[in-house]
């Protein structure tokens, strides 16, 4: 990888975005301009796990929602710093964009988790929430 001035400036911008809580960015450029490489490098610098979906012939909306649920559990319940790398060639369905839009706007995807999973997530987060000073409520 060749590091020229613009590359380092973009890398610094991505690192700064990853420092923010719920920070997100839309990286635009022609193929081969280094968007993914810089994002992976910035994620490594910030000690974030870089999460990217793997598209196969049988990959569909159900598999995407399963990947999203794993990602959100990893970030929320396990409190792991995660960057989600999603490219334009991975958009198979408009539902993918709707789900990502919901995550960016409100942090939640409707009907992503089953009621049993929600109960388990609440139980897993309860101890940390109490330690942080929140009341013991399901909300």
C-alpha atoms as a PDB file:
ATOM      1  CA  UNK A   1       0.000   0.000   0.000  1.00  0.00           C
ATOM      2  CA  UNK A   2       1.428   3.369  -0.992  1.00  0.00           C
ATOM      3  CA  UNK A   3       0.779   6.122   1.538  1.00  0.00           C
ATOM      4  CA  UNK A   4       0.596   9.519  -0.075  1.00  0.00           C
ATOM      5  CA  UNK A   5      -0.630  12.701   1.576  1.00  0.00           C
ATOM      6  CA  UNK A   6      -4.279  12.351   0.537  1.00  0.00           C
ATOM      7  CA  UNK A   7      -4.327   8.734   1.672  1.00  0.00           C
ATOM      8  CA  UNK A   8      -3.086   9.683   5.138  1.00  0.00           C
ATOM      9  CA  UNK A   9      -5.628  12.493   5.373  1.00  0.00           C
ATOM     10  CA  UNK A  10      -8.461  10.120   4.502  1.00  0.00           C
ATOM     11  CA  UNK A  11      -7.138   7.566   6.993  1.00  0.00           C
ATOM     12  CA  UNK A  12      -7.115  10.207   9.736  1.00  0.00           C
ATOM     13  CA  UNK A  13     -10.693  11.194   8.866  1.00  0.00           C
ATOM     14  CA  UNK A  14     -11.909   7.591   9.090  1.00  0.00           C
ATOM     15  CA  UNK A  15     -10.098   7.076  12.410  1.00  0.00           C
ATOM     16  CA  UNK A  16     -11.691  10.256  13.759  1.00  0.00           C
ATOM     17  CA  UNK A  17     -15.143   9.022  12.692  1.00  0.00           C
ATOM     18  CA  UNK A  18     -14.554   5.667  14.400  1.00  0.00           C
ATOM     19  CA  UNK A  19     -13.731   7.500  17.644  1.00  0.00           C
ATOM     20  CA  UNK A  20     -17.283   8.856  17.841  1.00  0.00           C
ATOM     21  CA  UNK A  21     -19.985   6.838  19.507  1.00  0.00           C
ATOM     22  CA  UNK A  22     -22.278   5.613  16.692  1.00  0.00           C
ATOM     23  CA  UNK A  23     -19.970   7.324  14.195  1.00  0.00           C
ATOM     24  CA  UNK A  24     -20.666   6.465  10.562  1.00  0.00           C
ATOM     25  CA  UNK A  25     -19.456   7.517   7.145  1.00  0.00           C
ATOM     26  CA  UNK A  26     -20.288   7.061   3.502  1.00  0.00           C
ATOM     27  CA  UNK A  27     -17.095   6.616   1.512  1.00  0.00           C
ATOM     28  CA  UNK A  28     -17.435   7.373  -2.178  1.00  0.00           C
ATOM     29  CA  UNK A  29     -14.843   6.708  -4.843  1.00  0.00           C
ATOM     30  CA  UNK A  30     -14.030   4.745  -7.956  1.00  0.00           C
ATOM     31  CA  UNK A  31     -13.151   1.059  -7.753  1.00  0.00           C
ATOM     32  CA  UNK A  32      -9.671   0.439  -6.425  1.00  0.00           C
ATOM     33  CA  UNK A  33      -9.362   3.807  -4.683  1.00  0.00           C
ATOM     34  CA  UNK A  34      -8.715   2.196  -1.295  1.00  0.00           C
ATOM     35  CA  UNK A  35     -11.959   2.740   0.598  1.00  0.00           C
ATOM     36  CA  UNK A  36     -12.059  -0.791   2.021  1.00  0.00           C
ATOM     37  CA  UNK A  37      -8.332  -0.944   2.720  1.00  0.00           C
ATOM     38  CA  UNK A  38      -8.361   2.365   4.575  1.00  0.00           C
ATOM     39  CA  UNK A  39     -11.443   1.349   6.552  1.00  0.00           C
ATOM     40  CA  UNK A  40      -9.824  -1.931   7.570  1.00  0.00           C
ATOM     41  CA  UNK A  41      -6.618  -0.112   8.531  1.00  0.00           C
ATOM     42  CA  UNK A  42      -8.529   2.512  10.527  1.00  0.00           C
ATOM     43  CA  UNK A  43     -10.511  -0.252  12.260  1.00  0.00           C
ATOM     44  CA  UNK A  44      -7.283  -1.989  13.188  1.00  0.00           C
ATOM     45  CA  UNK A  45      -5.882   1.296  14.502  1.00  0.00           C
ATOM     46  CA  UNK A  46      -8.976   1.841  16.673  1.00  0.00           C
ATOM     47  CA  UNK A  47      -8.966  -1.837  17.738  1.00  0.00           C
ATOM     48  CA  UNK A  48     -12.378  -2.392  16.160  1.00  0.00           C
ATOM     49  CA  UNK A  49     -13.491  -5.670  14.676  1.00  0.00           C
ATOM     50  CA  UNK A  50     -14.192  -5.057  10.996  1.00  0.00           C
ATOM     51  CA  UNK A  51     -17.452  -6.848  10.139  1.00  0.00           C
ATOM     52  CA  UNK A  52     -18.299  -7.467   6.494  1.00  0.00           C
ATOM     53  CA  UNK A  53     -20.982  -9.735   5.061  1.00  0.00           C
ATOM     54  CA  UNK A  54     -19.980 -12.448   2.622  1.00  0.00           C
ATOM     55  CA  UNK A  55     -22.327 -12.656  -0.366  1.00  0.00           C
ATOM     56  CA  UNK A  56     -22.975 -16.132  -1.780  1.00  0.00           C
ATOM     57  CA  UNK A  57     -25.450 -17.418  -4.338  1.00  0.00           C
ATOM     58  CA  UNK A  58     -27.901 -18.400  -1.611  1.00  0.00           C
ATOM     59  CA  UNK A  59     -27.448 -15.198   0.434  1.00  0.00           C
ATOM     60  CA  UNK A  60     -30.728 -13.387   0.953  1.00  0.00           C
ATOM     61  CA  UNK A  61     -32.656 -11.155   3.300  1.00  0.00           C
ATOM     62  CA  UNK A  62     -32.909 -13.820   6.028  1.00  0.00           C
ATOM     63  CA  UNK A  63     -29.137 -14.345   6.055  1.00  0.00           C
ATOM     64  CA  UNK A  64     -28.570 -10.579   6.075  1.00  0.00           C
ATOM     65  CA  UNK A  65     -30.836 -10.187   9.111  1.00  0.00           C
ATOM     66  CA  UNK A  66     -28.976 -13.036  10.858  1.00  0.00           C
ATOM     67  CA  UNK A  67     -25.661 -11.279  10.172  1.00  0.00           C
ATOM     68  CA  UNK A  68     -27.089  -7.982  11.443  1.00  0.00           C
ATOM     69  CA  UNK A  69     -28.346  -9.605  14.632  1.00  0.00           C
ATOM     70  CA  UNK A  70     -24.897 -11.125  15.263  1.00  0.00           C
ATOM     71  CA  UNK A  71     -23.314  -7.727  14.603  1.00  0.00           C
ATOM     72  CA  UNK A  72     -25.650  -5.860  16.963  1.00  0.00           C
ATOM     73  CA  UNK A  73     -25.259  -8.464  19.720  1.00  0.00           C
ATOM     74  CA  UNK A  74     -21.492  -8.274  19.345  1.00  0.00           C
ATOM     75  CA  UNK A  75     -21.551  -4.473  19.591  1.00  0.00           C
ATOM     76  CA  UNK A  76     -24.262  -4.113  22.231  1.00  0.00           C
ATOM     77  CA  UNK A  77     -24.176  -7.128  24.503  1.00  0.00           C
ATOM     78  CA  UNK A  78     -20.511  -8.087  24.225  1.00  0.00           C
ATOM     79  CA  UNK A  79     -19.477  -4.389  24.131  1.00  0.00           C
ATOM     80  CA  UNK A  80     -16.997  -4.979  21.317  1.00  0.00           C
ATOM     81  CA  UNK A  81     -15.987  -2.076  19.120  1.00  0.00           C
ATOM     82  CA  UNK A  82     -17.128  -2.988  15.624  1.00  0.00           C
ATOM     83  CA  UNK A  83     -16.996  -1.307  12.242  1.00  0.00           C
ATOM     84  CA  UNK A  84     -19.496  -2.505   9.656  1.00  0.00           C
ATOM     85  CA  UNK A  85     -18.094  -2.453   6.140  1.00  0.00           C
ATOM     86  CA  UNK A  86     -20.853  -2.608   3.538  1.00  0.00           C
ATOM     87  CA  UNK A  87     -20.182  -2.048  -0.161  1.00  0.00           C
ATOM     88  CA  UNK A  88     -22.541  -1.141  -2.968  1.00  0.00           C
ATOM     89  CA  UNK A  89     -21.980  -4.508  -4.648  1.00  0.00           C
ATOM     90  CA  UNK A  90     -23.428  -6.210  -1.548  1.00  0.00           C
ATOM     91  CA  UNK A  91     -26.872  -4.636  -1.978  1.00  0.00           C
ATOM     92  CA  UNK A  92     -29.012  -7.519  -3.174  1.00  0.00           C
ATOM     93  CA  UNK A  93     -32.331  -6.240  -1.873  1.00  0.00           C
ATOM     94  CA  UNK A  94     -33.839  -2.884  -0.946  1.00  0.00           C
ATOM     95  CA  UNK A  95     -34.520  -4.383   2.490  1.00  0.00           C
ATOM     96  CA  UNK A  96     -30.757  -4.273   3.123  1.00  0.00           C
ATOM     97  CA  UNK A  97     -30.804  -0.493   2.722  1.00  0.00           C
ATOM     98  CA  UNK A  98     -33.930  -0.138   4.872  1.00  0.00           C
ATOM     99  CA  UNK A  99     -32.278  -2.080   7.695  1.00  0.00           C
ATOM    100  CA  UNK A 100     -29.071  -0.044   7.498  1.00  0.00           C
ATOM    101  CA  UNK A 101     -31.098   3.178   7.386  1.00  0.00           C
ATOM    102  CA  UNK A 102     -32.925   2.094  10.562  1.00  0.00           C
ATOM    103  CA  UNK A 103     -29.626   1.350  12.301  1.00  0.00           C
ATOM    104  CA  UNK A 104     -28.215   4.742  11.364  1.00  0.00           C
ATOM    105  CA  UNK A 105     -31.359   6.686  12.303  1.00  0.00           C
ATOM    106  CA  UNK A 106     -32.555   5.008  15.480  1.00  0.00           C
ATOM    107  CA  UNK A 107     -30.108   2.180  16.233  1.00  0.00           C
ATOM    108  CA  UNK A 108     -32.776  -0.492  15.890  1.00  0.00           C
ATOM    109  CA  UNK A 109     -34.177  -2.728  13.141  1.00  0.00           C
ATOM    110  CA  UNK A 110     -37.855  -3.647  13.650  1.00  0.00           C
ATOM    111  CA  UNK A 111     -38.572  -7.368  14.003  1.00  0.00           C
ATOM    112  CA  UNK A 112     -34.889  -8.276  13.899  1.00  0.00           C
ATOM    113  CA  UNK A 113     -35.000 -10.278  17.127  1.00  0.00           C
ATOM    114  CA  UNK A 114     -37.506 -12.843  18.322  1.00  0.00           C
ATOM    115  CA  UNK A 115     -39.148 -12.151  21.726  1.00  0.00           C
ATOM    116  CA  UNK A 116     -37.042 -14.883  23.351  1.00  0.00           C
ATOM    117  CA  UNK A 117     -33.861 -13.289  21.994  1.00  0.00           C
ATOM    118  CA  UNK A 118     -34.910  -9.877  23.309  1.00  0.00           C
ATOM    119  CA  UNK A 119     -35.395 -11.330  26.807  1.00  0.00           C
ATOM    120  CA  UNK A 120     -31.947 -12.942  26.623  1.00  0.00           C
ATOM    121  CA  UNK A 121     -30.362  -9.673  25.423  1.00  0.00           C
ATOM    122  CA  UNK A 122     -32.001  -7.741  28.269  1.00  0.00           C
ATOM    123  CA  UNK A 123     -30.756 -10.278  30.803  1.00  0.00           C
ATOM    124  CA  UNK A 124     -27.249 -10.135  29.351  1.00  0.00           C
ATOM    125  CA  UNK A 125     -27.180  -6.324  29.524  1.00  0.00           C
ATOM    126  CA  UNK A 126     -28.844  -5.955  32.936  1.00  0.00           C
ATOM    127  CA  UNK A 127     -25.685  -6.260  35.082  1.00  0.00           C
ATOM    128  CA  UNK A 128     -23.757  -3.692  33.047  1.00  0.00           C
ATOM    129  CA  UNK A 129     -26.723  -1.299  33.037  1.00  0.00           C
ATOM    130  CA  UNK A 130     -27.027  -1.457  36.825  1.00  0.00           C
ATOM    131  CA  UNK A 131     -23.259  -0.955  37.155  1.00  0.00           C
ATOM    132  CA  UNK A 132     -23.564   2.171  34.962  1.00  0.00           C
ATOM    133  CA  UNK A 133     -26.259   3.566  37.258  1.00  0.00           C
ATOM    134  CA  UNK A 134     -29.430   2.819  35.275  1.00  0.00           C
ATOM    135  CA  UNK A 135     -32.607   1.584  36.963  1.00  0.00           C
ATOM    136  CA  UNK A 136     -33.430  -2.109  36.673  1.00  0.00           C
ATOM    137  CA  UNK A 137     -36.114  -1.807  33.969  1.00  0.00           C
ATOM    138  CA  UNK A 138     -36.593  -3.615  30.666  1.00  0.00           C
ATOM    139  CA  UNK A 139     -36.533  -0.291  28.815  1.00  0.00           C
END
